[in-house]
Amino acid sequence: MGYHTVRTTLTLPMELLEAADKAVQLGKVKSRNEFVAQALRREIAAQKRQQIDAALAKMANDPDYQAEAQQIEAEFAETQWEAWRYADSGE
């Protein structure tokens, strides 16, 4: 992946820096920079998942969304039944 990089300075607790250096020494990551970038990517992805989960939870309690989902389910019920029958017939 071609990333545009920018130099920055971070202030970290000593134990985190030591743990990062140990990971580099053990060959788990190439460098401190790679380690920090990986950690940031993971954290950003986790935050995005939390936002999606919160939106889905909100939808589960939204009466308008629930009504629409039930309507869609009813509209596809016959087609789903036909698909099951077709699959069971072995055709």
C-alpha atoms as a PDB file:
ATOM      1  CA  MET A   1       0.000   0.000   0.000  1.00  0.00           C
ATOM      2  CA  GLY A   2       1.400   3.355  -0.955  1.00  0.00           C
ATOM      3  CA  TYR A   3       0.811   5.687   1.947  1.00  0.00           C
ATOM      4  CA  HIS A   4       1.809   9.326   2.051  1.00  0.00           C
ATOM      5  CA  THR A   5       3.682   9.710   5.304  1.00  0.00           C
ATOM      6  CA  VAL A   6       4.173  12.724   7.543  1.00  0.00           C
ATOM      7  CA  ARG A   7       6.782  13.047  10.271  1.00  0.00           C
ATOM      8  CA  THR A   8       5.377  13.783  13.710  1.00  0.00           C
ATOM      9  CA  THR A   9       6.444  13.573  17.332  1.00  0.00           C
ATOM     10  CA  LEU A  10       4.675  11.506  19.967  1.00  0.00           C
ATOM     11  CA  THR A  11       5.018  11.537  23.714  1.00  0.00           C
ATOM     12  CA  LEU A  12       4.490   8.029  25.085  1.00  0.00           C
ATOM     13  CA  PRO A  13       4.665   6.392  28.482  1.00  0.00           C
ATOM     14  CA  MET A  14       8.061   4.737  28.913  1.00  0.00           C
ATOM     15  CA  GLU A  15       6.562   1.239  29.304  1.00  0.00           C
ATOM     16  CA  LEU A  16       4.808   1.522  25.921  1.00  0.00           C
ATOM     17  CA  LEU A  17       7.998   2.625  24.199  1.00  0.00           C
ATOM     18  CA  GLU A  18       9.931  -0.216  25.825  1.00  0.00           C
ATOM     19  CA  ALA A  19       7.270  -2.729  24.771  1.00  0.00           C
ATOM     20  CA  ALA A  20       7.352  -1.378  21.214  1.00  0.00           C
ATOM     21  CA  ASP A  21      11.145  -1.637  21.122  1.00  0.00           C
ATOM     22  CA  LYS A  22      10.919  -5.215  22.394  1.00  0.00           C
ATOM     23  CA  ALA A  23       8.468  -6.072  19.587  1.00  0.00           C
ATOM     24  CA  VAL A  24      10.946  -4.620  17.087  1.00  0.00           C
ATOM     25  CA  GLN A  25      13.830  -6.604  18.613  1.00  0.00           C
ATOM     26  CA  LEU A  26      11.782  -9.809  18.431  1.00  0.00           C
ATOM     27  CA  GLY A  27      11.010  -9.154  14.773  1.00  0.00           C
ATOM     28  CA  LYS A  28       7.264  -8.787  15.326  1.00  0.00           C
ATOM     29  CA  VAL A  29       7.322  -5.420  13.548  1.00  0.00           C
ATOM     30  CA  LYS A  30       9.904  -3.669  11.407  1.00  0.00           C
ATOM     31  CA  SER A  31      10.054  -0.443  13.358  1.00  0.00           C
ATOM     32  CA  ARG A  32       8.482   1.743  16.011  1.00  0.00           C
ATOM     33  CA  ASN A  33       6.795   3.684  13.235  1.00  0.00           C
ATOM     34  CA  GLU A  34       5.204   0.545  11.781  1.00  0.00           C
ATOM     35  CA  PHE A  35       4.079  -0.544  15.242  1.00  0.00           C
ATOM     36  CA  VAL A  36       2.418   2.789  16.015  1.00  0.00           C
ATOM     37  CA  ALA A  37       0.792   2.942  12.566  1.00  0.00           C
ATOM     38  CA  GLN A  38      -0.619  -0.594  13.006  1.00  0.00           C
ATOM     39  CA  ALA A  39      -1.966   0.274  16.450  1.00  0.00           C
ATOM     40  CA  LEU A  40      -3.608   3.444  15.151  1.00  0.00           C
ATOM     41  CA  ARG A  41      -5.202   1.574  12.228  1.00  0.00           C
ATOM     42  CA  ARG A  42      -6.614  -1.037  14.608  1.00  0.00           C
ATOM     43  CA  GLU A  43      -7.993   1.598  16.970  1.00  0.00           C
ATOM     44  CA  ILE A  44      -9.574   3.605  14.152  1.00  0.00           C
ATOM     45  CA  ALA A  45     -11.188   0.415  12.778  1.00  0.00           C
ATOM     46  CA  ALA A  46     -12.490  -0.448  16.265  1.00  0.00           C
ATOM     47  CA  GLN A  47     -14.013   3.010  16.636  1.00  0.00           C
ATOM     48  CA  LYS A  48     -15.706   2.683  13.223  1.00  0.00           C
ATOM     49  CA  ARG A  49     -17.130  -0.713  14.258  1.00  0.00           C
ATOM     50  CA  GLN A  50     -18.457   0.857  17.474  1.00  0.00           C
ATOM     51  CA  GLN A  51     -20.168   3.601  15.460  1.00  0.00           C
ATOM     52  CA  ILE A  52     -21.757   1.021  13.150  1.00  0.00           C
ATOM     53  CA  ASP A  53     -22.854  -1.113  16.112  1.00  0.00           C
ATOM     54  CA  ALA A  54     -24.422   1.936  17.775  1.00  0.00           C
ATOM     55  CA  ALA A  55     -26.305   2.802  14.582  1.00  0.00           C
ATOM     56  CA  LEU A  56     -27.559  -0.782  14.253  1.00  0.00           C
ATOM     57  CA  ALA A  57     -28.662  -0.819  17.889  1.00  0.00           C
ATOM     58  CA  LYS A  58     -30.544   2.410  17.305  1.00  0.00           C
ATOM     59  CA  MET A  59     -32.254   0.877  14.259  1.00  0.00           C
ATOM     60  CA  ALA A  60     -33.366  -2.113  16.331  1.00  0.00           C
ATOM     61  CA  ASN A  61     -35.431   0.250  18.508  1.00  0.00           C
ATOM     62  CA  ASP A  62     -36.723   2.460  15.684  1.00  0.00           C
ATOM     63  CA  PRO A  63     -40.421   1.706  15.034  1.00  0.00           C
ATOM     64  CA  ASP A  64     -40.297   3.168  11.501  1.00  0.00           C
ATOM     65  CA  TYR A  65     -37.329   0.989  10.576  1.00  0.00           C
ATOM     66  CA  GLN A  66     -38.984  -2.080  12.119  1.00  0.00           C
ATOM     67  CA  ALA A  67     -42.188  -1.465  10.141  1.00  0.00           C
ATOM     68  CA  GLU A  68     -40.226  -1.099   6.912  1.00  0.00           C
ATOM     69  CA  ALA A  69     -38.207  -4.266   7.613  1.00  0.00           C
ATOM     70  CA  GLN A  70     -41.422  -6.220   8.257  1.00  0.00           C
ATOM     71  CA  GLN A  71     -42.938  -4.908   5.029  1.00  0.00           C
ATOM     72  CA  ILE A  72     -39.862  -5.962   3.035  1.00  0.00           C
ATOM     73  CA  GLU A  73     -39.917  -9.376   4.701  1.00  0.00           C
ATOM     74  CA  ALA A  74     -43.579  -9.838   3.788  1.00  0.00           C
ATOM     75  CA  GLU A  75     -42.921  -8.812   0.173  1.00  0.00           C
ATOM     76  CA  PHE A  76     -40.146 -11.403  -0.205  1.00  0.00           C
ATOM     77  CA  ALA A  77     -41.795 -14.209   1.777  1.00  0.00           C
ATOM     78  CA  GLU A  78     -43.242 -15.984  -1.280  1.00  0.00           C
ATOM     79  CA  THR A  79     -39.990 -15.710  -3.238  1.00  0.00           C
ATOM     80  CA  GLN A  80     -38.041 -17.102  -0.278  1.00  0.00           C
ATOM     81  CA  TRP A  81     -40.449 -20.021   0.004  1.00  0.00           C
ATOM     82  CA  GLU A  82     -40.039 -20.764  -3.713  1.00  0.00           C
ATOM     83  CA  ALA A  83     -36.255 -20.690  -3.341  1.00  0.00           C
ATOM     84  CA  TRP A  84     -36.419 -23.172  -0.441  1.00  0.00           C
ATOM     85  CA  ARG A  85     -38.701 -25.488  -2.404  1.00  0.00           C
ATOM     86  CA  TYR A  86     -36.371 -25.310  -5.405  1.00  0.00           C
ATOM     87  CA  ALA A  87     -33.325 -26.047  -3.239  1.00  0.00           C
ATOM     88  CA  ASP A  88     -35.056 -29.021  -1.571  1.00  0.00           C
ATOM     89  CA  SER A  89     -36.111 -30.464  -4.907  1.00  0.00           C
ATOM     90  CA  GLY A  90     -32.458 -30.927  -5.917  1.00  0.00           C
ATOM     91  CA  GLU A  91     -32.962 -29.291  -9.316  1.00  0.00           C
END
